[in-house]
Amino acid sequence: MTLVFATHNLNKLKEVKALMPSHIELLSLTDIGCDEDIPETAATIEGNAFLKAKYVKENYGLDCFADDTGLEVASLNNEPGVFSARYAGPENNAEANMNKLLAHLHDKEDRSARFKTTIALILNEKHFDFTGICEGEITKERKGEDGFGYDPIFLPKGFSETFAEMTMLQKSEIGHRGRAMQQLIAYLSENEGFK
């Protein structure tokens, strides 16, 4: 079976390919020749994931899943949320995003936060959502060299290492995207005859 993962992000693709069963061929947007920037104009994480999957299905005729992820910080009214990738501006700069978030949390005692990923799957003309959440807190300084996005400043609950200090496998097992992916894979296994 072939599925498109609606992303150009090589880090995300690598993370998801590591979780996908080997008998499912995973293609990226680049693989199918989709170079356009798919609009993410929804007001919610769930809405943006659906828009991306729907775009691929409508324009390329391929079954597809897409994800959208947001970091929700309790003391900032769940900011940056749906704007996580562009928190500091449209250029999607991870360093600038972390700088802005740390500045906004400078005088806050409550640093609790959660990562939320929703995966929208369009398969055989039907739409399904799978959501994974990872609770944690924002550290006061960056730690670790791996990962991407906010990983160097996100400390998952019950752990002493940030996402950026963990291996990709460790992060996938406890992380928001990994949890959503596990639900997606379970669904495919149960409903599409894959074992």
Protein backbone atom coordinates (compact mmCIF):
# COMPACT_ATOMS: atom_id res chain seq x y z
CA MET A 1 0.00 0.00 0.00
CA THR A 2 1.15 3.51 -0.81
CA LEU A 3 0.29 6.50 1.36
CA VAL A 4 1.35 10.11 1.00
CA PHE A 5 2.53 11.95 4.11
CA ALA A 6 1.79 15.59 3.31
CA THR A 7 5.08 17.13 4.37
CA HIS A 8 8.29 18.63 2.97
CA ASN A 9 9.87 18.44 6.43
CA LEU A 10 12.63 15.83 6.21
CA ASN A 11 12.90 15.59 10.02
CA LYS A 12 9.21 14.74 10.33
CA LEU A 13 9.40 12.30 7.41
CA LYS A 14 12.35 10.48 8.97
CA GLU A 15 10.58 10.29 12.33
CA VAL A 16 7.38 8.91 10.80
CA LYS A 17 9.11 6.46 8.42
CA ALA A 18 10.82 4.90 11.44
CA LEU A 19 7.39 4.14 12.93
CA MET A 20 5.60 2.95 9.77
CA PRO A 21 5.41 -0.78 9.02
CA SER A 22 7.79 -1.72 6.21
CA HIS A 23 5.00 -2.94 3.91
CA ILE A 24 3.51 0.57 3.68
CA GLU A 25 5.31 2.71 1.13
CA LEU A 26 5.45 6.27 2.43
CA LEU A 27 5.79 9.13 -0.04
CA SER A 28 6.43 12.78 0.77
CA LEU A 29 5.06 15.82 -1.07
CA THR A 30 8.42 16.06 -2.85
CA ASP A 31 8.09 12.43 -4.01
CA ILE A 32 4.76 13.16 -5.73
CA GLY A 33 5.98 16.40 -7.29
CA CYS A 34 3.94 18.69 -5.02
CA ASP A 35 6.15 21.75 -4.60
CA GLU A 36 3.45 24.24 -3.69
CA ASP A 37 3.03 25.55 -0.18
CA ILE A 38 -0.31 24.08 0.93
CA PRO A 39 -2.31 26.78 2.73
CA GLU A 40 -2.76 26.25 6.47
CA THR A 41 -5.55 28.74 7.08
CA ALA A 42 -7.67 26.87 9.63
CA ALA A 43 -8.10 28.19 13.17
CA THR A 44 -7.26 24.83 14.74
CA ILE A 45 -4.56 22.17 14.59
CA GLU A 46 -7.18 19.61 13.49
CA GLY A 47 -8.38 21.92 10.73
CA ASN A 48 -4.91 22.51 9.30
CA ALA A 49 -4.14 18.78 9.21
CA PHE A 50 -7.36 18.14 7.31
CA LEU A 51 -6.72 20.97 4.82
CA LYS A 52 -3.34 19.48 3.90
CA ALA A 53 -4.63 15.92 3.45
CA LYS A 54 -7.65 17.14 1.48
CA TYR A 55 -5.44 19.21 -0.83
CA VAL A 56 -3.36 16.15 -1.79
CA LYS A 57 -6.43 13.96 -2.31
CA GLU A 58 -8.19 16.57 -4.46
CA ASN A 59 -5.16 17.58 -6.55
CA TYR A 60 -3.23 14.31 -6.84
CA GLY A 61 -5.90 11.66 -6.27
CA LEU A 62 -3.78 9.84 -3.68
CA ASP A 63 -4.71 8.57 -0.23
CA CYS A 64 -2.93 10.79 2.22
CA PHE A 65 -2.37 11.71 5.82
CA ALA A 66 -1.17 15.03 7.15
CA ASP A 67 -0.27 16.23 10.58
CA ASP A 68 -0.28 19.53 12.34
CA THR A 69 1.38 20.11 15.68
CA GLY A 70 1.12 22.87 18.21
CA LEU A 71 2.84 23.68 21.47
CA GLU A 72 0.33 24.90 24.04
CA VAL A 73 1.70 26.79 27.05
CA ALA A 74 -0.78 27.08 29.91
CA SER A 75 0.30 30.46 31.32
CA LEU A 76 0.23 32.02 27.82
CA ASN A 77 -3.40 31.10 27.13
CA ASN A 78 -2.22 28.04 25.18
CA GLU A 79 -0.01 30.07 22.86
CA PRO A 80 1.65 29.55 20.45
CA GLY A 81 -0.82 26.76 19.57
CA VAL A 82 -1.82 26.71 15.92
CA PHE A 83 0.82 29.40 15.24
CA SER A 84 3.73 27.38 16.70
CA ALA A 85 5.80 27.16 13.50
CA ARG A 86 5.37 30.88 12.75
CA TYR A 87 5.27 32.22 16.31
CA ALA A 88 8.06 34.76 15.76
CA GLY A 89 7.20 35.48 12.13
CA PRO A 90 6.36 33.91 8.76
CA GLU A 91 9.91 32.64 8.14
CA ASN A 92 9.33 29.61 10.43
CA ASN A 93 12.59 30.09 12.36
CA ALA A 94 13.00 27.69 15.29
CA GLU A 95 15.60 29.83 17.12
CA ALA A 96 13.46 32.97 16.87
CA ASN A 97 10.38 31.02 18.01
CA MET A 98 12.21 29.67 21.08
CA ASN A 99 13.61 33.12 21.90
CA LYS A 100 10.13 34.66 21.79
CA LEU A 101 8.62 31.90 23.92
CA LEU A 102 11.37 32.07 26.56
CA ALA A 103 11.02 35.86 26.69
CA HIS A 104 7.25 35.59 27.22
CA LEU A 105 7.80 33.07 30.03
CA HIS A 106 10.58 35.09 31.69
CA ASP A 107 8.50 36.11 34.73
CA LYS A 108 6.07 33.17 34.78
CA GLU A 109 6.19 30.55 37.51
CA ASP A 110 3.88 28.15 35.70
CA ARG A 111 5.88 26.73 32.79
CA SER A 112 3.60 23.76 32.11
CA ALA A 113 3.00 23.01 28.45
CA ARG A 114 1.89 20.28 26.13
CA PHE A 115 2.60 19.26 22.58
CA LYS A 116 -0.44 18.24 20.55
CA THR A 117 -0.35 16.51 17.16
CA THR A 118 -3.41 15.68 15.10
CA ILE A 119 -3.11 13.44 12.06
CA ALA A 120 -5.86 13.66 9.45
CA LEU A 121 -6.14 10.57 7.25
CA ILE A 122 -8.08 10.49 4.00
CA LEU A 123 -8.39 6.89 2.90
CA ASN A 124 -10.92 5.47 0.44
CA GLU A 125 -12.80 8.79 0.44
CA LYS A 126 -13.22 8.75 4.26
CA HIS A 127 -11.68 11.14 6.80
CA PHE A 128 -10.32 10.13 10.22
CA ASP A 129 -8.46 12.06 12.94
CA PHE A 130 -5.87 10.72 15.41
CA THR A 131 -4.57 12.96 18.21
CA GLY A 132 -1.51 12.51 20.41
CA ILE A 133 -0.64 14.68 23.42
CA CYS A 134 2.57 14.89 25.44
CA GLU A 135 2.47 16.85 28.71
CA GLY A 136 5.55 18.59 30.03
CA GLU A 137 7.08 21.98 30.75
CA ILE A 138 9.26 24.62 29.16
CA THR A 139 12.82 24.75 30.46
CA LYS A 140 14.63 28.03 31.15
CA GLU A 141 17.44 27.25 28.73
CA ARG A 142 18.11 25.07 25.71
CA LYS A 143 19.43 21.56 26.29
CA GLY A 144 20.39 18.99 23.66
CA GLU A 145 21.43 18.98 20.03
CA ASP A 146 18.92 16.62 18.42
CA GLY A 147 15.31 17.07 17.37
CA PHE A 148 13.84 20.20 15.84
CA GLY A 149 11.46 23.04 16.57
CA TYR A 150 10.94 23.57 20.31
CA ASP A 151 12.60 20.25 21.27
CA PRO A 152 15.58 21.85 23.12
CA ILE A 153 13.25 23.63 25.58
CA PHE A 154 10.52 21.01 26.06
CA LEU A 155 10.90 18.68 29.04
CA PRO A 156 8.33 15.84 28.91
CA LYS A 157 6.60 15.00 32.19
CA GLY A 158 8.41 12.33 34.21
CA PHE A 159 11.72 12.75 32.36
CA SER A 160 14.94 14.62 33.09
CA GLU A 161 15.90 15.08 29.42
CA THR A 162 14.44 17.45 26.88
CA PHE A 163 13.23 16.08 23.55
CA ALA A 164 16.48 17.36 22.03
CA GLU A 165 18.51 15.19 24.43
CA MET A 166 16.61 12.03 23.49
CA THR A 167 17.15 9.65 20.60
CA MET A 168 14.58 9.72 17.81
CA LEU A 169 13.27 6.35 19.03
CA GLN A 170 12.87 7.56 22.64
CA LYS A 171 11.04 10.68 21.49
CA SER A 172 8.79 8.66 19.17
CA GLU A 173 7.76 6.33 21.99
CA ILE A 174 6.61 9.05 24.37
CA GLY A 175 6.03 12.02 22.09
CA HIS A 176 2.87 13.56 20.70
CA ARG A 177 3.56 12.64 17.05
CA GLY A 178 4.53 9.09 18.03
CA ARG A 179 1.29 8.67 19.99
CA ALA A 180 -0.82 9.95 17.10
CA MET A 181 1.14 7.73 14.68
CA GLN A 182 0.55 4.67 16.88
CA GLN A 183 -3.19 5.30 16.60
CA LEU A 184 -2.94 5.73 12.82
CA ILE A 185 -0.91 2.52 12.41
CA ALA A 186 -3.32 0.61 14.67
CA TYR A 187 -6.22 1.82 12.55
CA LEU A 188 -4.53 0.79 9.30
CA SER A 189 -3.68 -2.61 10.76
CA GLU A 190 -7.19 -3.28 12.04
CA ASN A 191 -9.19 -1.91 9.12
CA GLU A 192 -7.14 -2.41 6.00
CA GLY A 193 -5.96 -5.97 6.49
CA PHE A 194 -2.36 -5.07 7.29
CA LYS A 195 -0.49 -7.12 9.86
